[in-house]
Amino acid sequence: MLLFFSASFPCALKINGKYCAQIENTTYSYQTDSVCLIESFALINGGETRAFLTEERFLKNPPEFIVVTDIIGGYFIEFIPPKPIKPFNILAQEKNDYLIATAFYDNGAKLSIETPYSFYAEDLPINTESALIECVNLGGELLVAVKVKSESTWLLVFAIDNDIKKVFSANISEYSFNNGLTTKTYLKDFAKHTVTKTWEYKNKSFSLASIDIQKKKGFNYNNLPNSLKAYAFFEELLVGGNILEFLTDNMQKKADKLKGYLGDYFGVIPPPRFHNQNAVGLVYKKTSSFYTVRYFCPTFIGDKIDNLTEVK
C-alpha cells in the first residue's frame, strides 16, 4: 500500500516514530505493507499534534482534521490546517429593525442571525477573515445573503420569516440579485470555463432556471493530444457542457447515458504511478472527510472517444 501525505501549511511528519519530512504544499509518499503509526506536527501558531494508525476503520472514517481519498491500492491523506488561535472578532454585521446578522470569529468562523421570533447559528463553510452580509428583498420576502471568502468564495442565503431557513449554499466566484439570483463560477480546468447560472426564487427555495457555459476565448479542444483530451472531456461533462464534439458518431448515441454510468463525481485527477497511466481518475465524495476514486480508460478512434472502460 502506498500512502501519500499532503498539507497546505508547514507540517512535520513522523512515521512509526521516525521523522520523515516537512510538508507544505508538497506531497510525501511512503510504501508499506503493514499498519503504521502516523504523527503530524503543525509548525504554525496554535499548531496541533495529531496521531493515528493507518488501519481501515480510521482510513474509511477519518476525523475532521484529516481528509482521506481512497485511490485504490493506496490512500491520499491531507492534513487540514488547525484553526488559528485569535481573539473574538466581528467580521461583518447587518442590522435593521427586524434582525441582526453577524459573521464572527470565535475558534473558527461562525454566523448568527437573530430576529424577534427566531435565532440561527452555524459554522461557516470555510475559515475566513473576510465576510459580507446584505439584506435582499425577492418577491416581497426578506433574505439575508452572506458571502465569505478565503482561497475560495462561498455564498449562503437565508430566508427570514418566523423561522430562519438556509435556502442556498454554494462555492461561487461572483453573484448578483435581480428578480432572482445569478451566480458566476470561474473554473481552473483545461477550458477555463465560466459557468453562469440563474436561479428562480419561489416557495422559499431556489431552483435553477438557466445555465450558460463558456470556454476561454480562443480555446480549442482539437489542439490537445488525446491523452489530455480525455481529461478535458471529463471536465466538460462535469460542468454540463457540450461533450458531443469529443465523441464518435457511435458514442454520441450513448451520450445521454454517460452521466448515469459515471456517477456523481466532482473532480478529475491523473492516476497514481501504480495504476494504468492511460486511465483518468474521477473523485467521488462519500463523506465530508472521505473520498474515493474510480478510473476510466477512454478508447479513441482518430481523435474521438469511442468507448469508456472502468479499470480497477
Protein backbone atom coordinates (compact mmCIF):
# COMPACT_ATOMS: atom_id res chain seq x y z
CA MET A 1 0.00 0.00 0.00
CA LEU A 2 1.30 3.42 -0.97
CA LEU A 3 0.46 6.38 1.26
CA PHE A 4 0.63 9.99 0.10
CA PHE A 5 0.70 12.83 2.65
CA SER A 6 -0.02 16.49 1.95
CA ALA A 7 -0.67 19.73 3.83
CA SER A 8 -1.21 23.35 2.83
CA PHE A 9 0.68 24.58 5.91
CA PRO A 10 4.11 23.77 7.43
CA CYS A 11 3.77 20.31 8.92
CA ALA A 12 6.36 17.82 10.23
CA LEU A 13 5.63 14.16 9.56
CA LYS A 14 6.75 11.12 11.57
CA ILE A 15 6.04 7.50 10.65
CA ASN A 16 6.50 4.76 13.26
CA GLY A 17 8.36 7.22 15.48
CA LYS A 18 10.84 8.28 12.81
CA TYR A 19 10.94 11.79 11.34
CA CYS A 20 10.34 11.61 7.57
CA ALA A 21 9.69 15.03 6.10
CA GLN A 22 8.37 18.53 6.44
CA ILE A 23 5.49 19.12 4.03
CA GLU A 24 3.89 22.36 2.88
CA ASN A 25 2.10 22.42 -0.47
CA THR A 26 4.09 19.30 -1.34
CA THR A 27 3.42 15.56 -1.25
CA TYR A 28 5.39 12.87 0.58
CA SER A 29 4.93 9.20 -0.37
CA TYR A 30 5.54 6.12 1.77
CA GLN A 31 5.29 2.45 0.83
CA THR A 32 4.13 0.00 3.49
CA ASP A 33 2.58 -3.45 3.84
CA SER A 34 1.55 -3.03 7.47
CA VAL A 35 -0.32 -0.68 9.78
CA CYS A 36 1.75 2.41 10.62
CA LEU A 37 1.67 4.99 13.39
CA ILE A 38 1.43 8.43 11.77
CA GLU A 39 2.21 11.61 13.70
CA SER A 40 1.89 15.13 12.29
CA PHE A 41 3.06 18.34 13.94
CA ALA A 42 1.67 21.66 12.73
CA LEU A 43 4.58 24.13 12.67
CA ILE A 44 2.43 27.25 12.95
CA ASN A 45 0.96 29.34 15.73
CA GLY A 46 -1.68 27.33 17.54
CA GLY A 47 -0.40 24.18 15.87
CA GLU A 48 -1.54 20.76 16.97
CA THR A 49 -0.04 17.30 17.21
CA ARG A 50 -2.10 14.57 15.62
CA ALA A 51 -1.56 10.83 15.73
CA PHE A 52 -3.38 7.87 14.19
CA LEU A 53 -2.91 4.33 12.92
CA THR A 54 -3.39 3.54 9.23
CA GLU A 55 -5.96 0.86 9.89
CA GLU A 56 -9.11 0.57 7.83
CA ARG A 57 -11.52 1.90 10.45
CA PHE A 58 -9.56 5.16 10.51
CA LEU A 59 -8.94 5.43 6.78
CA LYS A 60 -12.63 4.90 5.95
CA ASN A 61 -13.85 7.27 8.67
CA PRO A 62 -11.17 9.90 9.38
CA PRO A 63 -11.64 12.65 11.99
CA GLU A 64 -12.49 16.20 10.97
CA PHE A 65 -8.89 17.41 10.80
CA ILE A 66 -7.91 14.91 8.09
CA VAL A 67 -9.31 14.18 4.62
CA VAL A 68 -8.62 10.74 3.12
CA THR A 69 -9.03 9.73 -0.52
CA ASP A 70 -9.04 6.03 -1.37
CA ILE A 71 -7.12 5.90 -4.65
CA ILE A 72 -7.49 2.09 -4.90
CA GLY A 73 -4.25 0.45 -3.87
CA GLY A 74 -3.24 3.41 -1.76
CA TYR A 75 -4.52 6.43 0.13
CA PHE A 76 -4.02 10.18 -0.22
CA ILE A 77 -4.04 11.74 3.27
CA GLU A 78 -4.40 15.50 3.57
CA PHE A 79 -3.93 17.32 6.86
CA ILE A 80 -6.34 20.22 7.39
CA PRO A 81 -4.79 23.38 8.93
CA PRO A 82 -5.70 23.98 12.56
CA LYS A 83 -7.94 26.88 13.39
CA PRO A 84 -5.67 29.75 14.41
CA ILE A 85 -5.88 31.00 17.98
CA LYS A 86 -7.33 34.50 17.72
CA PRO A 87 -9.49 36.69 19.94
CA PHE A 88 -13.20 37.06 19.31
CA ASN A 89 -13.71 39.31 16.30
CA ILE A 90 -16.75 40.50 14.36
CA LEU A 91 -16.11 40.02 10.64
CA ALA A 92 -19.32 41.61 9.34
CA GLN A 93 -22.68 42.65 10.72
CA GLU A 94 -26.01 43.78 9.30
CA LYS A 95 -28.73 45.33 11.47
CA ASN A 96 -32.20 46.63 10.77
CA ASP A 97 -35.44 46.97 12.69
CA TYR A 98 -36.16 43.26 12.29
CA LEU A 99 -32.88 41.35 12.52
CA ILE A 100 -29.23 41.25 13.46
CA ALA A 101 -26.94 39.08 11.32
CA THR A 102 -23.34 38.67 12.44
CA ALA A 103 -20.36 36.85 10.94
CA PHE A 104 -17.67 36.49 13.59
CA TYR A 105 -14.54 34.59 14.53
CA ASP A 106 -14.59 32.55 17.72
CA ASN A 107 -12.39 29.44 17.40
CA GLY A 108 -13.40 29.36 13.73
CA ALA A 109 -15.64 31.46 11.50
CA LYS A 110 -19.29 31.43 12.56
CA LEU A 111 -22.61 33.05 11.72
CA SER A 112 -25.60 34.04 13.80
CA ILE A 113 -28.94 35.53 12.74
CA GLU A 114 -31.42 36.82 15.31
CA THR A 115 -34.99 38.06 14.82
CA PRO A 116 -37.79 38.73 17.33
CA TYR A 117 -39.07 35.21 16.63
CA SER A 118 -36.06 33.03 15.98
CA PHE A 119 -32.31 32.52 16.37
CA TYR A 120 -30.00 30.69 13.97
CA ALA A 121 -26.29 29.84 14.28
CA GLU A 122 -23.83 27.69 12.31
CA ASP A 123 -20.14 27.32 11.48
CA LEU A 124 -19.27 28.94 8.19
CA PRO A 125 -18.05 26.50 5.48
CA ILE A 126 -14.53 28.00 5.32
CA ASN A 127 -12.18 29.67 7.76
CA THR A 128 -12.10 33.29 6.76
CA GLU A 129 -11.35 36.80 7.90
CA SER A 130 -13.45 38.31 5.12
CA ALA A 131 -17.25 38.39 5.10
CA LEU A 132 -20.04 40.45 3.59
CA ILE A 133 -23.67 40.43 4.73
CA GLU A 134 -26.57 42.08 2.92
CA CYS A 135 -30.34 42.02 3.18
CA VAL A 136 -32.23 41.37 -0.06
CA ASN A 137 -35.92 41.56 -0.97
CA LEU A 138 -37.10 38.98 -3.51
CA GLY A 139 -40.77 38.80 -4.35
CA GLY A 140 -41.66 40.63 -1.17
CA GLU A 141 -39.67 38.22 1.01
CA LEU A 142 -36.67 39.13 3.15
CA LEU A 143 -33.43 37.24 2.53
CA VAL A 144 -30.01 37.51 4.12
CA ALA A 145 -27.03 36.86 1.83
CA VAL A 146 -23.69 36.01 3.40
CA LYS A 147 -20.52 35.95 1.30
CA VAL A 148 -17.37 34.51 2.88
CA LYS A 149 -14.02 34.37 1.14
CA SER A 150 -10.67 32.70 1.70
CA GLU A 151 -8.96 30.66 -1.04
CA SER A 152 -12.49 30.09 -2.36
CA THR A 153 -15.73 32.06 -2.09
CA TRP A 154 -18.97 30.77 -0.60
CA LEU A 155 -22.41 32.28 -0.82
CA LEU A 156 -25.07 31.39 1.73
CA VAL A 157 -28.62 32.74 1.56
CA PHE A 158 -31.22 32.55 4.32
CA ALA A 159 -34.98 33.11 4.15
CA ILE A 160 -36.18 35.20 7.09
CA ASP A 161 -39.68 34.62 8.43
CA ASN A 162 -40.97 33.31 11.73
CA ASP A 163 -38.30 30.69 11.17
CA ILE A 164 -34.87 31.15 9.61
CA LYS A 165 -34.10 28.72 6.77
CA LYS A 166 -30.94 28.30 4.69
CA VAL A 167 -32.10 28.24 1.07
CA PHE A 168 -28.80 28.41 -0.85
CA SER A 169 -25.18 27.41 -0.27
CA ALA A 170 -22.54 27.08 -2.99
CA ASN A 171 -18.93 27.71 -3.86
CA ILE A 172 -19.07 30.51 -6.46
CA SER A 173 -16.96 33.40 -7.75
CA GLU A 174 -19.49 36.22 -8.18
CA TYR A 175 -23.20 36.77 -7.58
CA SER A 176 -25.94 39.35 -8.02
CA PHE A 177 -29.62 39.66 -7.17
CA ASN A 178 -32.02 40.94 -9.83
CA ASN A 179 -35.52 39.43 -9.68
CA GLY A 180 -33.68 36.24 -8.77
CA LEU A 181 -30.11 35.16 -8.18
CA THR A 182 -27.29 34.99 -10.74
CA THR A 183 -24.03 33.23 -9.90
CA LYS A 184 -20.77 33.00 -11.83
CA THR A 185 -18.05 30.45 -11.26
CA TYR A 186 -14.63 30.67 -12.89
CA LEU A 187 -13.07 27.21 -13.12
CA LYS A 188 -9.39 26.30 -13.36
CA ASP A 189 -9.87 23.40 -15.75
CA PHE A 190 -8.41 22.97 -19.25
CA ALA A 191 -11.00 25.18 -20.92
CA LYS A 192 -11.07 27.78 -18.11
CA HIS A 193 -14.86 27.50 -18.08
CA THR A 194 -17.09 30.31 -16.88
CA VAL A 195 -20.37 28.85 -15.59
CA THR A 196 -23.23 31.35 -15.23
CA LYS A 197 -26.40 30.17 -13.53
CA THR A 198 -29.66 31.99 -12.93
CA TRP A 199 -31.84 30.87 -10.06
CA GLU A 200 -35.55 31.46 -9.57
CA TYR A 201 -36.77 32.03 -6.03
CA LYS A 202 -40.18 30.61 -5.16
CA ASN A 203 -41.78 29.00 -2.10
CA LYS A 204 -38.67 29.68 -0.01
CA SER A 205 -36.33 27.79 -2.30
CA PHE A 206 -34.09 28.47 -5.30
CA SER A 207 -34.44 26.41 -8.47
CA LEU A 208 -32.08 26.52 -11.43
CA ALA A 209 -33.71 28.50 -14.26
CA SER A 210 -30.88 28.58 -16.80
CA ILE A 211 -27.19 27.80 -17.22
CA ASP A 212 -24.64 29.24 -19.62
CA ILE A 213 -21.23 27.61 -20.05
CA GLN A 214 -18.42 29.41 -21.86
CA LYS A 215 -14.84 28.35 -22.61
CA LYS A 216 -11.88 30.71 -22.56
CA LYS A 217 -11.83 32.75 -25.74
CA GLY A 218 -9.74 31.05 -28.40
CA PHE A 219 -9.59 27.70 -26.64
CA ASN A 220 -9.90 24.68 -28.95
CA TYR A 221 -10.03 21.09 -27.71
CA ASN A 222 -8.65 19.88 -31.04
CA ASN A 223 -5.29 21.42 -30.15
CA LEU A 224 -4.90 18.94 -27.28
CA PRO A 225 -3.33 15.50 -27.68
CA ASN A 226 -5.68 12.60 -26.98
CA SER A 227 -4.04 11.94 -23.60
CA LEU A 228 -5.08 15.41 -22.40
CA LYS A 229 -8.32 15.49 -24.37
CA ALA A 230 -9.55 12.65 -22.14
CA TYR A 231 -9.24 14.91 -19.08
CA ALA A 232 -10.89 17.79 -20.90
CA PHE A 233 -13.81 15.51 -21.83
CA PHE A 234 -14.50 14.53 -18.21
CA GLU A 235 -14.24 18.19 -17.15
CA GLU A 236 -16.69 19.22 -19.87
CA LEU A 237 -19.17 16.55 -18.75
CA LEU A 238 -18.73 17.63 -15.13
CA VAL A 239 -19.76 21.24 -15.81
CA GLY A 240 -22.64 20.17 -18.05
CA GLY A 241 -21.09 21.44 -21.29
CA ASN A 242 -21.23 20.09 -24.84
CA ILE A 243 -19.47 16.73 -24.94
CA LEU A 244 -20.60 15.66 -28.43
CA GLU A 245 -17.52 17.15 -30.10
CA PHE A 246 -15.38 14.65 -28.16
CA LEU A 247 -17.32 11.56 -29.26
CA THR A 248 -17.54 9.32 -32.32
CA ASP A 249 -20.95 9.04 -34.01
CA ASN A 250 -21.48 5.69 -32.31
CA MET A 251 -20.64 7.12 -28.87
CA GLN A 252 -22.83 10.16 -29.39
CA LYS A 253 -25.86 7.85 -29.38
CA LYS A 254 -25.00 6.94 -25.78
CA ALA A 255 -24.11 10.46 -24.64
CA ASP A 256 -27.22 10.95 -22.53
CA LYS A 257 -26.38 7.81 -20.52
CA LEU A 258 -22.80 8.75 -19.69
CA LYS A 259 -23.59 10.82 -16.60
CA GLY A 260 -25.55 7.95 -15.09
CA TYR A 261 -22.79 5.49 -15.94
CA LEU A 262 -20.01 7.63 -14.46
CA GLY A 263 -21.96 8.78 -11.41
CA ASP A 264 -21.80 11.98 -9.40
CA TYR A 265 -18.09 12.78 -9.45
CA PHE A 266 -16.75 16.22 -8.51
CA GLY A 267 -13.09 16.11 -9.55
CA VAL A 268 -10.79 14.81 -12.30
CA ILE A 269 -7.24 13.66 -11.45
CA PRO A 270 -4.35 11.75 -13.06
CA PRO A 271 -3.78 8.19 -11.82
CA PRO A 272 -1.03 7.42 -9.30
CA ARG A 273 2.01 5.69 -10.72
CA PHE A 274 0.81 2.20 -9.78
CA HIS A 275 -2.33 2.47 -11.95
CA ASN A 276 -2.84 2.35 -15.71
CA GLN A 277 -1.36 5.63 -16.92
CA ASN A 278 -3.86 5.81 -19.78
CA ALA A 279 -6.72 5.99 -17.29
CA VAL A 280 -8.31 9.11 -15.79
CA GLY A 281 -9.36 9.27 -12.13
CA LEU A 282 -12.79 10.57 -11.13
CA VAL A 283 -13.22 11.63 -7.50
CA TYR A 284 -16.42 10.92 -5.55
CA LYS A 285 -17.42 12.34 -2.16
CA LYS A 286 -18.60 9.74 0.35
CA THR A 287 -18.50 11.90 3.49
CA SER A 288 -17.09 15.33 4.34
CA SER A 289 -13.70 13.75 5.09
CA PHE A 290 -13.60 10.59 2.93
CA TYR A 291 -13.41 10.41 -0.87
CA THR A 292 -12.99 7.55 -3.34
CA VAL A 293 -11.65 7.36 -6.90
CA ARG A 294 -12.77 5.35 -9.93
CA TYR A 295 -10.57 5.05 -13.02
CA PHE A 296 -11.78 5.10 -16.61
CA CYS A 297 -9.76 4.44 -19.73
CA PRO A 298 -11.04 6.00 -22.98
CA THR A 299 -10.58 4.32 -26.35
CA PHE A 300 -10.04 6.68 -29.29
CA ILE A 301 -10.79 6.26 -32.96
CA GLY A 302 -8.74 9.02 -34.54
CA ASP A 303 -9.20 11.99 -32.20
CA LYS A 304 -12.68 10.97 -30.95
CA ILE A 305 -13.65 8.89 -27.91
CA ASP A 306 -15.40 5.66 -28.95
CA ASN A 307 -15.60 3.84 -25.61
CA LEU A 308 -15.03 4.24 -21.87
CA THR A 309 -13.91 1.28 -19.77
CA GLU A 310 -13.64 1.28 -16.00
CA VAL A 311 -10.32 -0.16 -14.83
CA LYS A 312 -9.68 -1.45 -11.32
